[in-house]
């Protein structure tokens, strides 16, 4: 029985063409009495435009809007995260987290273009993405209604969704659920569910999508050089390239050497712990290289302070607060810091390992005359005694006070 919801005129749906979003199109029409405009974004995972359009039309969507957002994704989302070396809980480069605010931005934009009064998504009621989509959308247009069918509808299982699809002649290929839930883009991919829900179990061989088992990789290292200009990757092996191309090539190279395999039990926004598997070859290579060019070009206080801010910046991204004033202010700080982060890093890639073996920069703060223990050493050792005397003064005072108290009983 259809229970008609409060009527909306037109809804823009974040549409992938999978079972959930395909069923959502018809469910919105039946339950909200609305027109549905589908929106699909290409942020590096590939979009089959012809197939998606045909499918959306058959289901009953008014139209499908497809946007190639790869360049915008790189320049407005990935690069700010790279400049910060942003890793959630020290490991996850947040490929999915970075993609959601961009998609939400365009959901809102297309809603304005199409005269829609609502947007919709296919996120579950216990995951992170519902938070990211909705917080971002409300930051951009709080007046738009947001519909989350998976939190509303009566369909409790995948089998019930398949039966619903059959009832309304919705073309779906899957009849048996894959054990994994997968999301991918330029910066990496995430894998969850199935056997991974037991954190003690080693991921089965079929868990990984692109990365091969370490023992199946070629026993031959590869050296690559990444060139940066103000924190932005602009050269690969000496050849000037756009950041998008470097990321795509770094992904291909990283896959070949098994780089970027992450197995993490993380704290979700909603408060539960979740075991996730990530493949992030491009992100792993570029963040690693970026950190090492920073180690050569940033002074100690700036570098250490930046490292204190990076985890907080990563939390803002993970929590879906991309469009917050704090995130924007922190990005401005990171942009300022990157003014001297120019140079090259040489990496050795071998069987899952990404090792820095060289770095150079016109802004290098490394001086051999100060660092060397060999001929040419110009460091004034006689200054060390006075430095230690002053540097350790607070500790000496505390020790003297404690000794005096003990002597008085």
Protein backbone atom coordinates (compact mmCIF):
# COMPACT_ATOMS: atom_id res chain seq x y z
CA UNK A 1 0.00 0.00 0.00
CA UNK A 2 1.36 3.41 -0.98
CA UNK A 3 1.27 5.98 1.79
CA UNK A 4 1.60 9.34 0.07
CA UNK A 5 4.11 11.63 1.78
CA UNK A 6 3.94 15.38 1.89
CA UNK A 7 3.97 16.34 -1.77
CA UNK A 8 7.02 17.92 -3.34
CA UNK A 9 7.17 19.24 -6.87
CA UNK A 10 10.53 17.98 -8.08
CA UNK A 11 13.41 16.08 -6.50
CA UNK A 12 17.05 15.85 -7.60
CA UNK A 13 18.42 12.42 -6.69
CA UNK A 14 22.09 11.46 -6.35
CA UNK A 15 21.92 8.51 -8.76
CA UNK A 16 24.44 5.71 -9.32
CA UNK A 17 22.24 3.32 -11.29
CA UNK A 18 22.58 0.57 -8.70
CA UNK A 19 19.74 -1.27 -7.02
CA UNK A 20 19.13 1.26 -4.22
CA UNK A 21 18.99 4.41 -6.31
CA UNK A 22 17.08 2.71 -9.12
CA UNK A 23 14.36 1.65 -6.69
CA UNK A 24 14.44 5.11 -5.08
CA UNK A 25 13.43 6.77 -8.37
CA UNK A 26 10.13 4.85 -8.52
CA UNK A 27 9.62 5.03 -4.74
CA UNK A 28 9.86 8.83 -4.82
CA UNK A 29 7.34 9.03 -7.65
CA UNK A 30 4.92 6.71 -5.86
CA UNK A 31 5.28 8.14 -2.37
CA UNK A 32 5.91 11.84 -2.94
CA UNK A 33 4.03 12.33 -6.22
CA UNK A 34 7.00 14.19 -7.65
CA UNK A 35 9.13 14.44 -10.75
CA UNK A 36 12.62 12.98 -10.32
CA UNK A 37 15.73 14.43 -11.88
CA UNK A 38 18.69 12.08 -11.53
CA UNK A 39 22.23 13.37 -11.05
CA UNK A 40 25.43 11.38 -11.56
CA UNK A 41 28.94 12.73 -10.99
CA UNK A 42 32.16 11.39 -12.48
CA UNK A 43 34.87 11.94 -9.88
CA UNK A 44 37.19 9.29 -11.20
CA UNK A 45 35.27 6.04 -10.90
CA UNK A 46 33.93 6.13 -14.46
CA UNK A 47 30.35 6.76 -15.56
CA UNK A 48 28.57 4.83 -18.33
CA UNK A 49 26.49 7.77 -19.57
CA UNK A 50 24.49 5.92 -22.22
CA UNK A 51 23.50 3.04 -19.94
CA UNK A 52 22.63 5.33 -17.04
CA UNK A 53 20.43 7.57 -19.19
CA UNK A 54 18.54 4.64 -20.69
CA UNK A 55 18.01 3.08 -17.29
CA UNK A 56 16.88 6.30 -15.60
CA UNK A 57 14.37 6.93 -18.40
CA UNK A 58 12.92 3.42 -18.16
CA UNK A 59 12.41 3.78 -14.43
CA UNK A 60 10.50 7.03 -14.84
CA UNK A 61 13.02 9.80 -14.18
CA UNK A 62 12.31 13.09 -15.93
CA UNK A 63 15.95 13.42 -16.95
CA UNK A 64 19.50 12.50 -16.00
CA UNK A 65 22.21 15.12 -15.52
CA UNK A 66 25.81 13.87 -15.69
CA UNK A 67 28.76 16.04 -14.70
CA UNK A 68 32.46 15.33 -15.20
CA UNK A 69 33.75 16.79 -11.92
CA UNK A 70 37.23 15.28 -11.90
CA UNK A 71 39.12 18.56 -12.30
CA UNK A 72 36.97 20.33 -9.74
CA UNK A 73 37.42 17.39 -7.38
CA UNK A 74 41.18 17.61 -7.72
CA UNK A 75 41.64 21.38 -7.43
CA UNK A 76 38.95 22.26 -4.88
CA UNK A 77 38.95 19.17 -2.66
CA UNK A 78 41.91 16.78 -3.12
CA UNK A 79 44.64 19.44 -3.28
CA UNK A 80 43.52 21.24 -0.10
CA UNK A 81 43.56 17.86 1.68
CA UNK A 82 46.97 17.03 0.23
CA UNK A 83 48.43 20.36 1.36
CA UNK A 84 47.32 19.47 4.89
CA UNK A 85 48.49 15.82 4.64
CA UNK A 86 45.01 15.02 5.91
CA UNK A 87 44.58 11.47 7.23
CA UNK A 88 41.63 10.54 9.43
CA UNK A 89 42.84 8.76 12.56
CA UNK A 90 46.33 8.80 11.09
CA UNK A 91 45.66 6.43 8.19
CA UNK A 92 42.61 7.09 6.00
CA UNK A 93 43.11 9.70 3.21
CA UNK A 94 39.32 10.14 3.02
CA UNK A 95 38.57 9.59 -0.66
CA UNK A 96 34.85 9.09 -0.04
CA UNK A 97 34.72 11.88 2.56
CA UNK A 98 36.16 14.37 0.06
CA UNK A 99 33.79 13.36 -2.73
CA UNK A 100 30.54 13.81 -0.82
CA UNK A 101 30.59 17.61 -0.32
CA UNK A 102 31.34 18.08 -4.03
CA UNK A 103 28.39 15.89 -4.96
CA UNK A 104 26.19 17.69 -2.44
CA UNK A 105 27.23 21.04 -3.91
CA UNK A 106 26.06 19.94 -7.35
CA UNK A 107 22.88 18.38 -6.03
CA UNK A 108 21.99 21.81 -4.69
CA UNK A 109 23.13 23.58 -7.87
CA UNK A 110 21.09 21.30 -10.12
CA UNK A 111 18.08 21.65 -7.80
CA UNK A 112 18.29 25.40 -8.38
CA UNK A 113 18.67 24.95 -12.13
CA UNK A 114 15.77 22.51 -12.37
CA UNK A 115 13.44 24.37 -10.03
CA UNK A 116 13.40 21.47 -7.58
CA UNK A 117 12.26 21.90 -4.01
CA UNK A 118 14.01 18.79 -2.65
CA UNK A 119 17.09 16.62 -3.05
CA UNK A 120 17.47 12.94 -2.19
CA UNK A 121 20.24 10.41 -1.59
CA UNK A 122 20.57 6.65 -1.14
CA UNK A 123 22.63 6.62 2.06
CA UNK A 124 21.80 4.28 4.91
CA UNK A 125 20.69 5.48 8.32
CA UNK A 126 23.83 4.33 10.16
CA UNK A 127 26.64 5.49 7.88
CA UNK A 128 28.76 8.61 7.50
CA UNK A 129 27.60 9.68 4.06
CA UNK A 130 24.10 10.70 5.13
CA UNK A 131 25.74 13.22 7.47
CA UNK A 132 28.12 14.52 4.81
CA UNK A 133 25.44 14.96 2.16
CA UNK A 134 22.94 16.63 4.41
CA UNK A 135 25.25 18.90 6.40
CA UNK A 136 26.87 20.10 3.16
CA UNK A 137 23.53 20.66 1.42
CA UNK A 138 22.08 22.57 4.36
CA UNK A 139 25.20 24.72 4.51
CA UNK A 140 24.55 25.73 0.89
CA UNK A 141 20.75 26.01 0.90
CA UNK A 142 18.92 25.33 4.19
CA UNK A 143 15.54 25.79 2.49
CA UNK A 144 15.80 22.66 0.35
CA UNK A 145 14.00 19.59 1.65
CA UNK A 146 16.20 16.50 1.98
CA UNK A 147 14.72 13.04 1.47
CA UNK A 148 16.54 9.91 2.62
CA UNK A 149 14.39 6.97 1.43
CA UNK A 150 16.50 4.29 3.15
CA UNK A 151 15.56 5.90 6.47
CA UNK A 152 11.87 6.08 5.53
CA UNK A 153 10.77 3.22 3.37
CA UNK A 154 9.28 -0.10 4.35
CA UNK A 155 11.86 -2.15 2.39
CA UNK A 156 13.97 -3.91 5.00
CA UNK A 157 16.18 -6.22 2.91
CA UNK A 158 17.86 -6.34 -0.47
CA UNK A 159 15.48 -9.12 -1.47
CA UNK A 160 12.51 -6.83 -0.78
CA UNK A 161 14.12 -4.14 -2.93
CA UNK A 162 14.56 -6.66 -5.77
CA UNK A 163 10.92 -7.66 -5.47
CA UNK A 164 9.89 -3.99 -5.57
CA UNK A 165 12.02 -3.57 -8.71
CA UNK A 166 10.28 -6.51 -10.37
CA UNK A 167 6.86 -5.13 -9.47
CA UNK A 168 7.57 -1.83 -11.20
CA UNK A 169 9.64 -3.35 -14.04
CA UNK A 170 12.82 -1.64 -12.89
CA UNK A 171 15.81 -3.13 -14.75
CA UNK A 172 18.31 -4.46 -12.22
CA UNK A 173 21.04 -6.98 -12.97
CA UNK A 174 21.79 -8.11 -9.43
CA UNK A 175 19.76 -10.84 -7.84
CA UNK A 176 22.32 -11.87 -5.26
CA UNK A 177 23.99 -9.46 -2.93
CA UNK A 178 27.71 -8.93 -3.25
CA UNK A 179 29.25 -9.40 0.19
CA UNK A 180 30.95 -5.99 -0.01
CA UNK A 181 29.90 -2.38 -0.24
CA UNK A 182 32.31 -0.42 -2.44
CA UNK A 183 32.80 3.27 -3.21
CA UNK A 184 35.58 4.61 -5.41
CA UNK A 185 37.00 7.76 -6.96
CA UNK A 186 40.34 9.26 -8.05
CA UNK A 187 41.77 9.46 -4.53
CA UNK A 188 40.99 5.86 -3.54
CA UNK A 189 38.26 3.34 -2.81
CA UNK A 190 36.60 1.96 0.30
CA UNK A 191 35.36 -1.57 0.97
CA UNK A 192 33.16 -2.74 3.84
CA UNK A 193 30.67 -5.44 4.93
CA UNK A 194 30.82 -9.18 4.41
CA UNK A 195 33.61 -11.03 6.20
CA UNK A 196 35.21 -7.67 7.06
CA UNK A 197 32.64 -7.14 9.80
CA UNK A 198 34.73 -9.46 12.00
CA UNK A 199 37.83 -7.35 12.82
CA UNK A 200 39.86 -10.49 13.66
CA UNK A 201 39.51 -12.05 10.21
CA UNK A 202 42.17 -11.33 7.60
CA UNK A 203 40.51 -9.83 4.50
CA UNK A 204 39.70 -12.65 2.04
CA UNK A 205 41.50 -12.65 -1.30
CA UNK A 206 38.43 -11.33 -3.10
CA UNK A 207 38.19 -8.25 -0.86
CA UNK A 208 40.58 -6.07 -2.81
CA UNK A 209 39.52 -4.61 -6.13
CA UNK A 210 42.72 -3.26 -7.72
CA UNK A 211 45.56 -4.29 -5.42
CA UNK A 212 47.02 -7.76 -5.81
CA UNK A 213 48.42 -9.86 -2.93
CA UNK A 214 51.95 -8.78 -2.05
CA UNK A 215 53.40 -12.20 -2.93
CA UNK A 216 51.95 -11.92 -6.45
CA UNK A 217 53.76 -8.66 -7.28
CA UNK A 218 56.84 -8.41 -9.44
CA UNK A 219 60.09 -8.64 -7.51
CA UNK A 220 61.50 -5.44 -8.98
CA UNK A 221 61.44 -1.95 -7.43
CA UNK A 222 60.52 1.17 -9.39
CA UNK A 223 61.86 4.68 -8.81
CA UNK A 224 59.69 7.71 -9.50
CA UNK A 225 60.12 11.44 -8.91
CA UNK A 226 57.29 13.77 -7.88
CA UNK A 227 57.78 17.50 -8.42
CA UNK A 228 55.85 20.07 -6.35
CA UNK A 229 55.19 23.77 -6.85
CA UNK A 230 53.81 25.48 -3.73
CA UNK A 231 52.53 22.14 -2.45
CA UNK A 232 50.84 21.13 -5.71
CA UNK A 233 52.15 18.10 -7.67
CA UNK A 234 53.11 19.42 -11.12
CA UNK A 235 55.75 16.98 -12.44
CA UNK A 236 56.08 13.22 -12.64
CA UNK A 237 59.51 11.83 -13.53
CA UNK A 238 60.56 15.26 -14.75
CA UNK A 239 57.60 15.76 -17.08
CA UNK A 240 55.20 18.60 -16.42
CA UNK A 241 51.61 17.41 -16.02
CA UNK A 242 48.30 18.59 -14.64
CA UNK A 243 47.57 17.40 -11.09
CA UNK A 244 44.67 15.28 -12.38
CA UNK A 245 46.99 13.39 -14.75
CA UNK A 246 49.62 12.92 -12.03
CA UNK A 247 47.00 11.46 -9.70
CA UNK A 248 45.74 9.09 -12.39
CA UNK A 249 49.27 7.94 -13.25
CA UNK A 250 50.26 7.63 -9.58
CA UNK A 251 47.23 5.39 -9.10
CA UNK A 252 48.31 3.11 -11.97
CA UNK A 253 51.90 2.95 -10.75
CA UNK A 254 50.84 2.40 -7.15
CA UNK A 255 48.53 -0.48 -8.08
CA UNK A 256 51.40 -2.18 -9.88
CA UNK A 257 53.44 -2.16 -6.66
CA UNK A 258 50.65 -2.81 -4.15
CA UNK A 259 50.84 0.67 -2.59
CA UNK A 260 48.06 2.05 -0.39
CA UNK A 261 46.55 -0.98 1.31
CA UNK A 262 44.81 0.10 4.55
CA UNK A 263 42.92 -2.04 7.08
CA UNK A 264 41.33 0.23 9.69
CA UNK A 265 38.84 0.03 12.54
CA UNK A 266 37.61 3.63 12.60
CA UNK A 267 35.21 5.77 14.59
CA UNK A 268 32.25 6.76 12.44
CA UNK A 269 30.53 10.13 12.74
CA UNK A 270 27.42 8.47 14.19
CA UNK A 271 29.44 6.97 17.04
CA UNK A 272 29.91 3.33 16.08
CA UNK A 273 33.17 1.62 15.19
CA UNK A 274 33.48 0.19 11.71
CA UNK A 275 36.10 -2.02 10.07
CA UNK A 276 37.00 -0.61 6.64
CA UNK A 277 39.42 -1.67 3.94
CA UNK A 278 40.87 1.04 1.72
CA UNK A 279 42.89 1.06 -1.46
CA UNK A 280 44.58 4.43 -1.88
CA UNK A 281 47.63 4.12 -4.14
CA UNK A 282 47.62 7.69 -5.49
CA UNK A 283 46.84 9.28 -2.13
CA UNK A 284 49.50 7.23 -0.34
CA UNK A 285 52.22 8.09 -2.85
CA UNK A 286 51.43 11.81 -3.04
CA UNK A 287 50.88 12.41 0.69
CA UNK A 288 54.11 10.55 1.45
CA UNK A 289 56.05 12.61 -1.12
CA UNK A 290 54.44 15.86 0.03
CA UNK A 291 55.35 15.28 3.66
CA UNK A 292 58.97 14.73 2.70
CA UNK A 293 59.29 17.88 0.58
CA UNK A 294 57.80 19.76 3.53
CA UNK A 295 60.41 18.25 5.85
CA UNK A 296 63.07 19.88 3.67
CA UNK A 297 61.46 23.30 3.19
CA UNK A 298 59.48 24.16 6.35
CA UNK A 299 61.06 25.49 9.52
CA UNK A 300 60.63 23.40 12.66
CA UNK A 301 57.94 25.51 14.39
CA UNK A 302 55.77 25.83 11.29
CA UNK A 303 56.09 22.13 10.48
CA UNK A 304 55.27 20.99 14.00
CA UNK A 305 52.32 23.37 14.32
CA UNK A 306 50.99 22.23 10.95
CA UNK A 307 51.22 18.62 12.09
CA UNK A 308 49.09 19.51 15.12
CA UNK A 309 46.39 21.00 12.88
CA UNK A 310 46.29 18.22 10.28
CA UNK A 311 44.31 15.69 12.40
CA UNK A 312 41.68 18.34 13.22
CA UNK A 313 41.44 19.28 9.54
CA UNK A 314 40.94 15.60 8.68
CA UNK A 315 38.16 15.35 11.27
CA UNK A 316 36.32 18.29 9.71
CA UNK A 317 36.43 16.55 6.32
CA UNK A 318 35.42 13.17 7.72
CA UNK A 319 32.55 14.70 9.72
CA UNK A 320 31.12 16.41 6.62
CA UNK A 321 32.01 19.96 7.68
CA UNK A 322 33.75 20.93 4.45
CA UNK A 323 31.72 24.11 4.02
CA UNK A 324 32.35 25.28 7.59
CA UNK A 325 34.18 28.55 8.40
CA UNK A 326 36.84 26.64 10.35
CA UNK A 327 37.70 24.37 7.42
CA UNK A 328 37.98 27.37 5.11
CA UNK A 329 40.18 29.24 7.58
CA UNK A 330 42.46 26.23 8.06
CA UNK A 331 42.79 25.83 4.28
CA UNK A 332 43.92 29.45 4.08
CA UNK A 333 46.62 28.68 6.66
CA UNK A 334 47.79 25.61 4.75
CA UNK A 335 47.90 27.60 1.50
CA UNK A 336 50.14 30.18 3.17
CA UNK A 337 52.46 27.48 4.50
CA UNK A 338 52.82 25.98 1.02
CA UNK A 339 54.52 29.07 -0.42
CA UNK A 340 57.95 27.46 0.10
CA UNK A 341 56.94 23.84 -0.54
CA UNK A 342 58.56 23.52 -3.95
CA UNK A 343 60.98 20.85 -5.11
CA UNK A 344 61.27 17.17 -5.94
CA UNK A 345 61.01 13.92 -4.01
CA UNK A 346 62.41 10.63 -5.26
CA UNK A 347 60.51 7.51 -4.22
CA UNK A 348 61.26 3.80 -4.33
CA UNK A 349 58.15 1.63 -4.72
CA UNK A 350 58.48 -2.03 -3.89
CA UNK A 351 55.98 -4.68 -2.75
CA UNK A 352 53.63 -2.43 -0.84
CA UNK A 353 56.34 -0.07 0.40
CA UNK A 354 56.66 3.58 -0.56
CA UNK A 355 60.09 4.84 0.52
CA UNK A 356 61.62 8.28 0.14
CA UNK A 357 65.20 7.96 -1.12
CA UNK A 358 65.90 11.56 -2.12
CA UNK A 359 64.62 15.13 -1.96
CA UNK A 360 65.79 18.52 -3.21
CA UNK A 361 64.44 22.07 -3.33
CA UNK A 362 65.54 25.64 -4.11
CA UNK A 363 63.97 26.48 -0.72
CA UNK A 364 65.81 23.74 1.15
CA UNK A 365 66.61 24.62 4.76
CA UNK A 366 69.07 21.75 4.97
CA UNK A 367 72.68 22.97 5.06
CA UNK A 368 75.44 20.38 4.83
CA UNK A 369 77.90 22.80 6.47
CA UNK A 370 75.73 22.70 9.61
CA UNK A 371 74.71 19.02 9.47
CA UNK A 372 77.98 17.35 8.52
CA UNK A 373 80.35 15.68 10.96
CA UNK A 374 83.04 15.69 8.29
CA UNK A 375 85.37 18.29 6.81
CA UNK A 376 83.55 21.55 6.19
CA UNK A 377 81.62 21.51 9.48
CA UNK A 378 80.81 25.14 10.39
CA UNK A 379 78.56 24.48 13.37
CA UNK A 380 79.82 26.36 16.46
CA UNK A 381 79.90 23.64 19.12
CA UNK A 382 80.96 26.11 21.79
CA UNK A 383 77.47 27.67 21.60
CA UNK A 384 75.88 24.39 22.70
CA UNK A 385 76.85 24.78 26.37
CA UNK A 386 75.05 28.10 26.77
CA UNK A 387 72.05 26.82 24.81
CA UNK A 388 71.71 23.77 27.05
CA UNK A 389 72.07 25.95 30.16
CA UNK A 390 69.15 28.18 29.16
CA UNK A 391 67.04 25.43 27.57
CA UNK A 392 67.23 23.32 30.73
CA UNK A 393 66.74 26.21 33.17
CA UNK A 394 63.05 25.48 33.98
CA UNK A 395 63.89 21.84 34.75
CA UNK A 396 66.73 22.88 37.06
CA UNK A 397 64.49 25.30 38.94
CA UNK A 398 61.78 22.66 39.42
CA UNK A 399 64.35 20.15 40.66
CA UNK A 400 65.78 22.70 43.12
CA UNK A 401 62.33 23.54 44.51
CA UNK A 402 61.44 19.85 44.93
CA UNK A 403 64.74 19.17 46.71
CA UNK A 404 64.13 22.06 49.11
CA UNK A 405 60.63 20.77 49.97
CA UNK A 406 61.92 17.28 50.63
CA UNK A 407 64.63 18.62 52.93
CA UNK A 408 62.02 20.44 55.02
CA UNK A 409 60.04 17.23 55.43
